[in-house]
């Protein structure tokens, strides 16, 4: 399953809490029922319900990031000074560039981002430098590799990030010579998925499996 679908599935799990009216369209019927969900609910209606709910989840994600951008930035600022450590995901032991961003979004919004900056660069929608708002992701080419570094835009042409070995989480200026020449683009987390119909149907199947597994816990 692609990272896009995994990301949406994770977020659906968070939003749905593994038990909302939407799940009634996707889950299996009780064990003592002789009729399965697939036979009792037309696939077309189940599919349309799923499409509508995914759109609602996308709107909620956009509202969450936009409405809580100040809280998000404040949380990121609290991590200033934490040392850089490659492939570490907790502030207590250190954070690298992408794990810093992932930690802030998960800790403040409960939203799971892909682990690598190159994967993060395909989440949400691309925006221009002039459109940047606090909470947007900014990307840089720091290793002769596109989207090899990521930070969180905080406003006033500044961004917060965990730069490299021997440094710590800090705020830098996008207009500085080093970062300006390496700027690679920005993304806004608006819940965009760009899934085609077959991929969306596969996502609905995964949601059903998630609900089924939760019942066995």
C-alpha atoms as a PDB file:
ATOM      1  CA  UNK A   1       0.000   0.000   0.000  1.00  0.00           C
ATOM      2  CA  UNK A   2       1.359   3.421  -0.932  1.00  0.00           C
ATOM      3  CA  UNK A   3       2.288   5.990   1.716  1.00  0.00           C
ATOM      4  CA  UNK A   4      -0.676   8.138   0.603  1.00  0.00           C
ATOM      5  CA  UNK A   5      -3.145   5.412   1.440  1.00  0.00           C
ATOM      6  CA  UNK A   6      -1.307   4.471   4.624  1.00  0.00           C
ATOM      7  CA  UNK A   7      -1.372   8.097   5.728  1.00  0.00           C
ATOM      8  CA  UNK A   8      -5.080   8.469   5.039  1.00  0.00           C
ATOM      9  CA  UNK A   9      -5.788   5.166   6.728  1.00  0.00           C
ATOM     10  CA  UNK A  10      -3.909   6.255   9.837  1.00  0.00           C
ATOM     11  CA  UNK A  11      -5.788   9.533   9.930  1.00  0.00           C
ATOM     12  CA  UNK A  12      -9.108   7.808   9.359  1.00  0.00           C
ATOM     13  CA  UNK A  13      -8.331   5.597  12.332  1.00  0.00           C
ATOM     14  CA  UNK A  14      -7.644   8.654  14.476  1.00  0.00           C
ATOM     15  CA  UNK A  15     -10.760  10.540  13.362  1.00  0.00           C
ATOM     16  CA  UNK A  16     -13.093   7.569  13.386  1.00  0.00           C
ATOM     17  CA  UNK A  17     -11.890   6.239  16.710  1.00  0.00           C
ATOM     18  CA  UNK A  18     -12.583   2.833  15.169  1.00  0.00           C
ATOM     19  CA  UNK A  19     -16.292   3.342  15.715  1.00  0.00           C
ATOM     20  CA  UNK A  20     -18.457   5.946  13.973  1.00  0.00           C
ATOM     21  CA  UNK A  21     -21.599   5.801  11.830  1.00  0.00           C
ATOM     22  CA  UNK A  22     -19.347   5.570   8.789  1.00  0.00           C
ATOM     23  CA  UNK A  23     -17.984   2.266  10.010  1.00  0.00           C
ATOM     24  CA  UNK A  24     -21.457   0.775   9.723  1.00  0.00           C
ATOM     25  CA  UNK A  25     -21.043   1.070   5.989  1.00  0.00           C
ATOM     26  CA  UNK A  26     -17.679  -0.660   5.991  1.00  0.00           C
ATOM     27  CA  UNK A  27     -17.631  -3.179   8.816  1.00  0.00           C
ATOM     28  CA  UNK A  28     -18.698  -6.809   8.672  1.00  0.00           C
ATOM     29  CA  UNK A  29     -22.069  -7.702  10.152  1.00  0.00           C
ATOM     30  CA  UNK A  30     -22.160  -9.461  13.563  1.00  0.00           C
ATOM     31  CA  UNK A  31     -20.922 -13.046  13.623  1.00  0.00           C
ATOM     32  CA  UNK A  32     -24.419 -14.427  14.215  1.00  0.00           C
ATOM     33  CA  UNK A  33     -25.850 -12.707  11.147  1.00  0.00           C
ATOM     34  CA  UNK A  34     -26.232 -14.916   8.054  1.00  0.00           C
ATOM     35  CA  UNK A  35     -25.941 -11.903   5.738  1.00  0.00           C
ATOM     36  CA  UNK A  36     -22.593 -10.225   5.137  1.00  0.00           C
ATOM     37  CA  UNK A  37     -22.133  -6.456   4.798  1.00  0.00           C
ATOM     38  CA  UNK A  38     -21.103  -6.947   1.189  1.00  0.00           C
ATOM     39  CA  UNK A  39     -24.433  -8.587   0.326  1.00  0.00           C
ATOM     40  CA  UNK A  40     -26.681  -6.405   2.483  1.00  0.00           C
ATOM     41  CA  UNK A  41     -25.220  -3.035   1.419  1.00  0.00           C
ATOM     42  CA  UNK A  42     -24.882  -2.206  -2.274  1.00  0.00           C
ATOM     43  CA  UNK A  43     -21.220  -1.772  -3.140  1.00  0.00           C
ATOM     44  CA  UNK A  44     -21.965   1.423  -5.019  1.00  0.00           C
ATOM     45  CA  UNK A  45     -23.632   3.094  -2.020  1.00  0.00           C
ATOM     46  CA  UNK A  46     -20.848   1.905   0.293  1.00  0.00           C
ATOM     47  CA  UNK A  47     -18.295   3.325  -2.098  1.00  0.00           C
ATOM     48  CA  UNK A  48     -20.085   6.674  -2.382  1.00  0.00           C
ATOM     49  CA  UNK A  49     -20.370   6.901   1.404  1.00  0.00           C
ATOM     50  CA  UNK A  50     -16.646   6.282   1.638  1.00  0.00           C
ATOM     51  CA  UNK A  51     -15.844   8.987  -0.899  1.00  0.00           C
ATOM     52  CA  UNK A  52     -18.001  11.481   0.997  1.00  0.00           C
ATOM     53  CA  UNK A  53     -16.383  10.617   4.305  1.00  0.00           C
ATOM     54  CA  UNK A  54     -12.853  10.896   2.930  1.00  0.00           C
ATOM     55  CA  UNK A  55     -13.757  14.384   1.687  1.00  0.00           C
ATOM     56  CA  UNK A  56     -15.029  15.241   5.180  1.00  0.00           C
ATOM     57  CA  UNK A  57     -11.799  13.922   6.724  1.00  0.00           C
ATOM     58  CA  UNK A  58      -9.790  16.090   4.313  1.00  0.00           C
ATOM     59  CA  UNK A  59     -11.730  19.185   5.394  1.00  0.00           C
ATOM     60  CA  UNK A  60     -11.237  18.325   9.038  1.00  0.00           C
ATOM     61  CA  UNK A  61      -7.503  17.890   8.564  1.00  0.00           C
ATOM     62  CA  UNK A  62      -7.228  21.276   6.869  1.00  0.00           C
ATOM     63  CA  UNK A  63      -9.245  22.897   9.660  1.00  0.00           C
ATOM     64  CA  UNK A  64      -7.117  21.179  12.291  1.00  0.00           C
ATOM     65  CA  UNK A  65      -3.791  22.376  10.893  1.00  0.00           C
ATOM     66  CA  UNK A  66      -5.044  25.880  10.086  1.00  0.00           C
ATOM     67  CA  UNK A  67      -7.011  26.401  13.272  1.00  0.00           C
ATOM     68  CA  UNK A  68      -4.234  25.116  15.505  1.00  0.00           C
ATOM     69  CA  UNK A  69      -1.229  26.546  13.673  1.00  0.00           C
ATOM     70  CA  UNK A  70      -0.359  28.782  16.624  1.00  0.00           C
ATOM     71  CA  UNK A  71      -0.443  25.833  19.017  1.00  0.00           C
ATOM     72  CA  UNK A  72       1.578  23.800  16.544  1.00  0.00           C
ATOM     73  CA  UNK A  73       4.267  26.482  16.308  1.00  0.00           C
ATOM     74  CA  UNK A  74       4.329  26.949  20.078  1.00  0.00           C
ATOM     75  CA  UNK A  75       4.902  23.210  20.497  1.00  0.00           C
ATOM     76  CA  UNK A  76       7.678  23.291  17.937  1.00  0.00           C
ATOM     77  CA  UNK A  77       9.310  26.197  19.761  1.00  0.00           C
ATOM     78  CA  UNK A  78       9.307  24.181  22.971  1.00  0.00           C
ATOM     79  CA  UNK A  79      11.652  21.704  21.296  1.00  0.00           C
ATOM     80  CA  UNK A  80      14.264  24.368  20.457  1.00  0.00           C
ATOM     81  CA  UNK A  81      17.647  23.264  21.751  1.00  0.00           C
ATOM     82  CA  UNK A  82      17.026  19.534  21.387  1.00  0.00           C
ATOM     83  CA  UNK A  83      20.105  18.091  19.723  1.00  0.00           C
ATOM     84  CA  UNK A  84      20.176  16.625  16.247  1.00  0.00           C
ATOM     85  CA  UNK A  85      20.349  12.859  16.163  1.00  0.00           C
ATOM     86  CA  UNK A  86      19.856  10.874  13.012  1.00  0.00           C
ATOM     87  CA  UNK A  87      17.125   8.239  12.971  1.00  0.00           C
ATOM     88  CA  UNK A  88      15.809   9.136  16.412  1.00  0.00           C
ATOM     89  CA  UNK A  89      12.165  10.016  17.021  1.00  0.00           C
ATOM     90  CA  UNK A  90      11.964  11.282  20.616  1.00  0.00           C
ATOM     91  CA  UNK A  91      13.199  14.619  22.005  1.00  0.00           C
ATOM     92  CA  UNK A  92      14.767  12.835  24.974  1.00  0.00           C
ATOM     93  CA  UNK A  93      17.308  11.182  22.678  1.00  0.00           C
ATOM     94  CA  UNK A  94      17.412  13.773  19.887  1.00  0.00           C
ATOM     95  CA  UNK A  95      15.609  14.446  16.611  1.00  0.00           C
ATOM     96  CA  UNK A  96      16.694  14.594  12.994  1.00  0.00           C
ATOM     97  CA  UNK A  97      15.071  16.860  10.395  1.00  0.00           C
ATOM     98  CA  UNK A  98      12.059  14.754   9.471  1.00  0.00           C
ATOM     99  CA  UNK A  99      11.539  13.169  12.895  1.00  0.00           C
ATOM    100  CA  UNK A 100      11.328  16.658  14.425  1.00  0.00           C
ATOM    101  CA  UNK A 101       8.486  17.586  12.062  1.00  0.00           C
ATOM    102  CA  UNK A 102       6.795  14.224  12.569  1.00  0.00           C
ATOM    103  CA  UNK A 103       7.049  14.508  16.347  1.00  0.00           C
ATOM    104  CA  UNK A 104       5.482  17.985  16.477  1.00  0.00           C
ATOM    105  CA  UNK A 105       2.514  17.038  14.275  1.00  0.00           C
ATOM    106  CA  UNK A 106       1.883  13.796  16.130  1.00  0.00           C
ATOM    107  CA  UNK A 107       2.299  15.316  19.591  1.00  0.00           C
ATOM    108  CA  UNK A 108       0.106  18.366  18.962  1.00  0.00           C
ATOM    109  CA  UNK A 109      -2.448  17.140  16.391  1.00  0.00           C
ATOM    110  CA  UNK A 110      -2.248  13.365  16.705  1.00  0.00           C
ATOM    111  CA  UNK A 111      -1.494  13.315  12.983  1.00  0.00           C
ATOM    112  CA  UNK A 112       0.978  10.771  11.615  1.00  0.00           C
ATOM    113  CA  UNK A 113       3.289  11.890   8.821  1.00  0.00           C
ATOM    114  CA  UNK A 114       5.518   9.602   6.739  1.00  0.00           C
ATOM    115  CA  UNK A 115       8.956   9.122   8.261  1.00  0.00           C
ATOM    116  CA  UNK A 116      11.109  10.523   5.439  1.00  0.00           C
ATOM    117  CA  UNK A 117      11.190  14.100   4.158  1.00  0.00           C
ATOM    118  CA  UNK A 118      10.969  12.876   0.553  1.00  0.00           C
ATOM    119  CA  UNK A 119       7.681  11.148   1.427  1.00  0.00           C
ATOM    120  CA  UNK A 120       6.398  14.189   3.318  1.00  0.00           C
ATOM    121  CA  UNK A 121       6.972  16.238   0.172  1.00  0.00           C
ATOM    122  CA  UNK A 122       4.075  14.373  -1.479  1.00  0.00           C
ATOM    123  CA  UNK A 123       1.525  14.943   1.290  1.00  0.00           C
ATOM    124  CA  UNK A 124      -1.024  17.737   0.991  1.00  0.00           C
ATOM    125  CA  UNK A 125      -0.840  20.288  -1.811  1.00  0.00           C
ATOM    126  CA  UNK A 126       2.128  22.239  -3.197  1.00  0.00           C
ATOM    127  CA  UNK A 127       2.152  25.971  -2.512  1.00  0.00           C
ATOM    128  CA  UNK A 128       4.398  28.806  -3.629  1.00  0.00           C
ATOM    129  CA  UNK A 129       6.811  30.606  -1.371  1.00  0.00           C
ATOM    130  CA  UNK A 130       4.551  33.660  -1.465  1.00  0.00           C
ATOM    131  CA  UNK A 131       1.612  31.605  -0.137  1.00  0.00           C
ATOM    132  CA  UNK A 132       3.404  30.309   2.971  1.00  0.00           C
ATOM    133  CA  UNK A 133       1.468  30.342   6.239  1.00  0.00           C
ATOM    134  CA  UNK A 134       2.493  29.148   9.722  1.00  0.00           C
ATOM    135  CA  UNK A 135       2.266  25.372   9.913  1.00  0.00           C
ATOM    136  CA  UNK A 136       3.208  24.740   6.261  1.00  0.00           C
ATOM    137  CA  UNK A 137       6.085  22.385   5.517  1.00  0.00           C
ATOM    138  CA  UNK A 138       9.172  23.789   3.767  1.00  0.00           C
ATOM    139  CA  UNK A 139      11.673  21.604   1.941  1.00  0.00           C
ATOM    140  CA  UNK A 140      15.317  21.937   0.981  1.00  0.00           C
ATOM    141  CA  UNK A 141      17.977  20.207  -1.070  1.00  0.00           C
ATOM    142  CA  UNK A 142      20.810  19.800   1.426  1.00  0.00           C
ATOM    143  CA  UNK A 143      22.384  16.570   0.173  1.00  0.00           C
ATOM    144  CA  UNK A 144      22.257  17.067  -3.585  1.00  0.00           C
ATOM    145  CA  UNK A 145      18.925  15.285  -3.325  1.00  0.00           C
ATOM    146  CA  UNK A 146      15.551  16.959  -3.756  1.00  0.00           C
ATOM    147  CA  UNK A 147      13.410  17.260  -0.615  1.00  0.00           C
ATOM    148  CA  UNK A 148      16.218  15.879   1.550  1.00  0.00           C
ATOM    149  CA  UNK A 149      15.413  18.234   4.455  1.00  0.00           C
ATOM    150  CA  UNK A 150      12.174  19.581   5.940  1.00  0.00           C
ATOM    151  CA  UNK A 151      11.108  22.221   8.454  1.00  0.00           C
ATOM    152  CA  UNK A 152       7.952  23.991   9.665  1.00  0.00           C
ATOM    153  CA  UNK A 153       7.237  27.542   8.540  1.00  0.00           C
ATOM    154  CA  UNK A 154       6.552  29.843  11.507  1.00  0.00           C
ATOM    155  CA  UNK A 155       5.896  33.159   9.764  1.00  0.00           C
ATOM    156  CA  UNK A 156       7.940  36.307   9.033  1.00  0.00           C
ATOM    157  CA  UNK A 157      10.028  34.352   6.506  1.00  0.00           C
ATOM    158  CA  UNK A 158      11.314  32.079   9.308  1.00  0.00           C
ATOM    159  CA  UNK A 159      11.161  28.319   9.771  1.00  0.00           C
ATOM    160  CA  UNK A 160      12.013  25.932  12.591  1.00  0.00           C
ATOM    161  CA  UNK A 161      13.919  22.705  11.999  1.00  0.00           C
ATOM    162  CA  UNK A 162      16.615  20.312  13.180  1.00  0.00           C
ATOM    163  CA  UNK A 163      19.442  21.111  10.727  1.00  0.00           C
ATOM    164  CA  UNK A 164      22.293  18.594  10.931  1.00  0.00           C
ATOM    165  CA  UNK A 165      24.748  16.652  13.077  1.00  0.00           C
ATOM    166  CA  UNK A 166      26.352  18.798  15.735  1.00  0.00           C
ATOM    167  CA  UNK A 167      23.446  21.274  15.836  1.00  0.00           C
ATOM    168  CA  UNK A 168      20.083  21.445  17.599  1.00  0.00           C
ATOM    169  CA  UNK A 169      16.507  22.463  16.788  1.00  0.00           C
ATOM    170  CA  UNK A 170      16.486  26.169  15.921  1.00  0.00           C
ATOM    171  CA  UNK A 171      14.793  28.904  13.891  1.00  0.00           C
ATOM    172  CA  UNK A 172      16.414  30.046  10.621  1.00  0.00           C
ATOM    173  CA  UNK A 173      15.619  32.627   7.945  1.00  0.00           C
ATOM    174  CA  UNK A 174      14.440  31.472   4.524  1.00  0.00           C
ATOM    175  CA  UNK A 175      16.162  34.527   3.061  1.00  0.00           C
ATOM    176  CA  UNK A 176      19.620  33.594   4.298  1.00  0.00           C
ATOM    177  CA  UNK A 177      22.078  32.736   1.540  1.00  0.00           C
ATOM    178  CA  UNK A 178      22.391  29.070   2.495  1.00  0.00           C
ATOM    179  CA  UNK A 179      18.685  28.250   2.808  1.00  0.00           C
ATOM    180  CA  UNK A 180      17.498  30.515   0.015  1.00  0.00           C
ATOM    181  CA  UNK A 181      19.592  28.749  -2.627  1.00  0.00           C
ATOM    182  CA  UNK A 182      18.512  25.327  -1.353  1.00  0.00           C
ATOM    183  CA  UNK A 183      14.778  25.994  -1.024  1.00  0.00           C
ATOM    184  CA  UNK A 184      12.935  23.152  -2.746  1.00  0.00           C
ATOM    185  CA  UNK A 185       9.256  24.008  -2.293  1.00  0.00           C
ATOM    186  CA  UNK A 186       6.484  23.887   0.298  1.00  0.00           C
ATOM    187  CA  UNK A 187       3.381  21.857   1.074  1.00  0.00           C
ATOM    188  CA  UNK A 188       0.179  22.607   2.963  1.00  0.00           C
ATOM    189  CA  UNK A 189      -1.462  19.713   4.790  1.00  0.00           C
ATOM    190  CA  UNK A 190      -5.010  20.021   3.493  1.00  0.00           C
ATOM    191  CA  UNK A 191      -5.904  16.337   3.357  1.00  0.00           C
ATOM    192  CA  UNK A 192      -5.349  16.022  -0.403  1.00  0.00           C
ATOM    193  CA  UNK A 193      -5.025  12.435  -1.549  1.00  0.00           C
ATOM    194  CA  UNK A 194      -5.335  12.360  -5.373  1.00  0.00           C
ATOM    195  CA  UNK A 195      -6.589   8.779  -5.192  1.00  0.00           C
ATOM    196  CA  UNK A 196      -8.325   7.278  -8.191  1.00  0.00           C
ATOM    197  CA  UNK A 197     -11.503   5.218  -7.754  1.00  0.00           C
ATOM    198  CA  UNK A 198      -9.722   1.860  -7.454  1.00  0.00           C
ATOM    199  CA  UNK A 199      -7.287   3.223  -4.860  1.00  0.00           C
ATOM    200  CA  UNK A 200     -10.124   4.752  -2.869  1.00  0.00           C
ATOM    201  CA  UNK A 201     -11.998   1.450  -2.922  1.00  0.00           C
ATOM    202  CA  UNK A 202      -8.845  -0.264  -1.674  1.00  0.00           C
ATOM    203  CA  UNK A 203      -8.673   2.277   1.142  1.00  0.00           C
ATOM    204  CA  UNK A 204     -12.254   1.457   2.140  1.00  0.00           C
ATOM    205  CA  UNK A 205     -11.316  -2.217   2.266  1.00  0.00           C
ATOM    206  CA  UNK A 206      -8.395  -1.384   4.527  1.00  0.00           C
ATOM    207  CA  UNK A 207     -10.732   0.544   6.831  1.00  0.00           C
ATOM    208  CA  UNK A 208     -12.936  -2.536   7.057  1.00  0.00           C
ATOM    209  CA  UNK A 209      -9.916  -4.638   7.967  1.00  0.00           C
ATOM    210  CA  UNK A 210      -8.932  -2.094  10.619  1.00  0.00           C
ATOM    211  CA  UNK A 211     -12.370  -2.313  12.229  1.00  0.00           C
ATOM    212  CA  UNK A 212     -12.292  -6.112  12.080  1.00  0.00           C
ATOM    213  CA  UNK A 213      -8.897  -6.253  13.777  1.00  0.00           C
ATOM    214  CA  UNK A 214     -10.029  -3.846  16.508  1.00  0.00           C
ATOM    215  CA  UNK A 215     -12.822  -6.219  17.447  1.00  0.00           C
ATOM    216  CA  UNK A 216     -10.354  -9.048  18.031  1.00  0.00           C
ATOM    217  CA  UNK A 217      -8.187  -7.022  20.458  1.00  0.00           C
END
